Amino acid sequence: MIEMAQFYNIKFLKEVEGLSQRQIATKLGISRKTVSKYLSQNAAPTTVLRKRVYSLPIW
């Protein structure tokens, strides 16, 4: 997963500078498919911290 700052950088390079997906991928050193995936999303990725849930044994 990419960081939130990189997500906004991808959006900026596409919308403001008008670079293609291939140019963005080359410039940032990531996959073109990754660029495509994040350009199609409206919200930045967030990290969800998961708690491990232990169940109580049934006696």
N, C-alpha and C. Protein backbone atom coordinates (compact mmCIF):
# COMPACT_ATOMS: atom_id res chain seq x y z
N MET A 1 0.85 -1.17 0.00
CA MET A 1 0.00 0.00 0.00
C MET A 1 0.90 1.24 0.00
N ILE A 2 0.46 2.26 -0.68
CA ILE A 2 1.23 3.49 -0.73
C ILE A 2 0.82 4.42 0.40
N GLU A 3 1.66 5.40 0.68
CA GLU A 3 1.35 6.35 1.74
C GLU A 3 0.36 7.40 1.23
N MET A 4 -0.27 8.09 2.16
CA MET A 4 -1.27 9.08 1.81
C MET A 4 -0.65 10.22 0.99
N ALA A 5 0.59 10.62 1.34
CA ALA A 5 1.25 11.70 0.62
C ALA A 5 1.48 11.31 -0.84
N GLN A 6 1.83 10.05 -1.07
CA GLN A 6 2.06 9.60 -2.44
C GLN A 6 0.74 9.55 -3.22
N PHE A 7 -0.35 9.22 -2.54
CA PHE A 7 -1.66 9.22 -3.17
C PHE A 7 -1.97 10.62 -3.71
N TYR A 8 -1.78 11.63 -2.87
CA TYR A 8 -2.05 13.00 -3.30
C TYR A 8 -1.06 13.46 -4.37
N ASN A 9 0.16 12.95 -4.33
CA ASN A 9 1.14 13.27 -5.36
C ASN A 9 0.69 12.71 -6.72
N ILE A 10 0.15 11.50 -6.72
CA ILE A 10 -0.37 10.90 -7.96
C ILE A 10 -1.50 11.75 -8.51
N LYS A 11 -2.44 12.14 -7.64
CA LYS A 11 -3.56 12.98 -8.08
C LYS A 11 -3.07 14.31 -8.63
N PHE A 12 -2.09 14.92 -7.96
CA PHE A 12 -1.54 16.21 -8.40
C PHE A 12 -0.88 16.09 -9.77
N LEU A 13 -0.06 15.05 -9.95
CA LEU A 13 0.64 14.88 -11.23
C LEU A 13 -0.34 14.68 -12.37
N LYS A 14 -1.44 14.01 -12.11
CA LYS A 14 -2.44 13.76 -13.16
C LYS A 14 -3.28 15.01 -13.45
N GLU A 15 -3.83 15.62 -12.41
CA GLU A 15 -4.80 16.70 -12.60
C GLU A 15 -4.14 18.05 -12.89
N VAL A 16 -3.03 18.36 -12.24
CA VAL A 16 -2.42 19.67 -12.40
C VAL A 16 -1.37 19.68 -13.50
N GLU A 17 -0.47 18.70 -13.46
CA GLU A 17 0.61 18.68 -14.45
C GLU A 17 0.21 17.96 -15.73
N GLY A 18 -0.87 17.19 -15.69
CA GLY A 18 -1.38 16.54 -16.89
C GLY A 18 -0.53 15.38 -17.40
N LEU A 19 0.19 14.70 -16.49
CA LEU A 19 1.01 13.57 -16.91
C LEU A 19 0.14 12.34 -17.14
N SER A 20 0.62 11.44 -17.99
CA SER A 20 -0.09 10.19 -18.24
C SER A 20 0.21 9.22 -17.09
N GLN A 21 -0.56 8.15 -17.02
CA GLN A 21 -0.35 7.15 -15.99
C GLN A 21 1.05 6.55 -16.10
N ARG A 22 1.49 6.32 -17.31
CA ARG A 22 2.82 5.74 -17.53
C ARG A 22 3.92 6.70 -17.06
N GLN A 23 3.76 7.98 -17.33
CA GLN A 23 4.74 8.97 -16.90
C GLN A 23 4.77 9.10 -15.38
N ILE A 24 3.61 9.04 -14.75
CA ILE A 24 3.53 9.11 -13.29
C ILE A 24 4.22 7.89 -12.68
N ALA A 25 3.94 6.71 -13.23
CA ALA A 25 4.54 5.48 -12.71
C ALA A 25 6.06 5.52 -12.83
N THR A 26 6.56 6.00 -13.94
CA THR A 26 8.00 6.09 -14.14
C THR A 26 8.61 7.10 -13.18
N LYS A 27 7.98 8.24 -13.03
CA LYS A 27 8.49 9.30 -12.17
C LYS A 27 8.54 8.88 -10.70
N LEU A 28 7.52 8.15 -10.25
CA LEU A 28 7.43 7.75 -8.85
C LEU A 28 8.04 6.37 -8.57
N GLY A 29 8.35 5.62 -9.62
CA GLY A 29 8.93 4.30 -9.44
C GLY A 29 7.96 3.26 -8.93
N ILE A 30 6.70 3.37 -9.37
CA ILE A 30 5.68 2.40 -8.98
C ILE A 30 5.03 1.83 -10.24
N SER A 31 4.22 0.81 -10.07
CA SER A 31 3.56 0.16 -11.18
C SER A 31 2.48 1.05 -11.80
N ARG A 32 2.29 0.93 -13.11
CA ARG A 32 1.23 1.67 -13.78
C ARG A 32 -0.14 1.22 -13.30
N LYS A 33 -0.26 -0.06 -12.96
CA LYS A 33 -1.53 -0.57 -12.45
C LYS A 33 -1.85 0.05 -11.08
N THR A 34 -0.82 0.31 -10.29
CA THR A 34 -1.02 0.96 -8.99
C THR A 34 -1.50 2.39 -9.20
N VAL A 35 -0.89 3.09 -10.15
CA VAL A 35 -1.31 4.45 -10.47
C VAL A 35 -2.76 4.45 -10.91
N SER A 36 -3.12 3.54 -11.77
CA SER A 36 -4.49 3.44 -12.26
C SER A 36 -5.47 3.19 -11.12
N LYS A 37 -5.11 2.30 -10.21
CA LYS A 37 -5.97 1.95 -9.08
C LYS A 37 -6.23 3.17 -8.20
N TYR A 38 -5.20 3.93 -7.89
CA TYR A 38 -5.37 5.06 -7.00
C TYR A 38 -5.99 6.27 -7.69
N LEU A 39 -5.85 6.38 -8.99
CA LEU A 39 -6.52 7.46 -9.71
C LEU A 39 -8.03 7.23 -9.75
N SER A 40 -8.44 5.97 -9.72
CA SER A 40 -9.87 5.67 -9.79
C SER A 40 -10.57 5.87 -8.44
N GLN A 41 -9.79 5.98 -7.36
CA GLN A 41 -10.38 6.17 -6.03
C GLN A 41 -10.55 7.65 -5.74
N ASN A 42 -11.58 7.97 -4.98
CA ASN A 42 -11.84 9.35 -4.60
C ASN A 42 -11.22 9.72 -3.26
N ALA A 43 -11.05 8.75 -2.39
CA ALA A 43 -10.51 9.02 -1.05
C ALA A 43 -9.15 8.37 -0.90
N ALA A 44 -8.31 9.00 -0.10
CA ALA A 44 -6.97 8.47 0.16
C ALA A 44 -7.06 7.17 0.96
N PRO A 45 -6.10 6.27 0.78
CA PRO A 45 -6.11 5.03 1.54
C PRO A 45 -5.81 5.31 3.01
N THR A 46 -6.45 4.58 3.87
CA THR A 46 -6.19 4.71 5.30
C THR A 46 -5.76 3.35 5.84
N THR A 47 -4.97 3.39 6.87
CA THR A 47 -4.51 2.16 7.50
C THR A 47 -5.44 1.84 8.66
N VAL A 48 -5.91 0.62 8.68
CA VAL A 48 -6.78 0.18 9.75
C VAL A 48 -5.98 -0.75 10.64
N LEU A 49 -5.86 -0.37 11.89
CA LEU A 49 -5.17 -1.23 12.84
C LEU A 49 -6.16 -2.25 13.37
N ARG A 50 -5.80 -3.50 13.23
CA ARG A 50 -6.70 -4.56 13.65
C ARG A 50 -6.25 -5.12 14.98
N LYS A 51 -7.23 -5.39 15.81
CA LYS A 51 -6.94 -6.03 17.08
C LYS A 51 -7.16 -7.53 16.92
N ARG A 52 -6.28 -8.27 17.51
CA ARG A 52 -6.46 -9.71 17.46
C ARG A 52 -7.50 -10.08 18.51
N VAL A 53 -8.49 -10.82 18.12
CA VAL A 53 -9.58 -11.21 19.01
C VAL A 53 -9.38 -12.65 19.41
N TYR A 54 -9.26 -12.84 20.70
CA TYR A 54 -9.12 -14.18 21.22
C TYR A 54 -10.45 -14.62 21.79
N SER A 55 -10.88 -15.77 21.41
CA SER A 55 -12.14 -16.26 21.94
C SER A 55 -11.88 -17.04 23.23
N LEU A 56 -12.86 -17.02 24.09
CA LEU A 56 -12.73 -17.76 25.34
C LEU A 56 -13.04 -19.22 25.07
N PRO A 57 -12.27 -20.09 25.69
CA PRO A 57 -12.57 -21.51 25.48
C PRO A 57 -13.91 -21.89 26.12
N ILE A 58 -14.63 -22.73 25.47
CA ILE A 58 -15.92 -23.20 25.97
C ILE A 58 -15.67 -24.48 26.75
N TRP A 59 -16.01 -24.46 28.03
CA TRP A 59 -15.76 -25.62 28.89
C TRP A 59 -16.96 -26.44 29.04
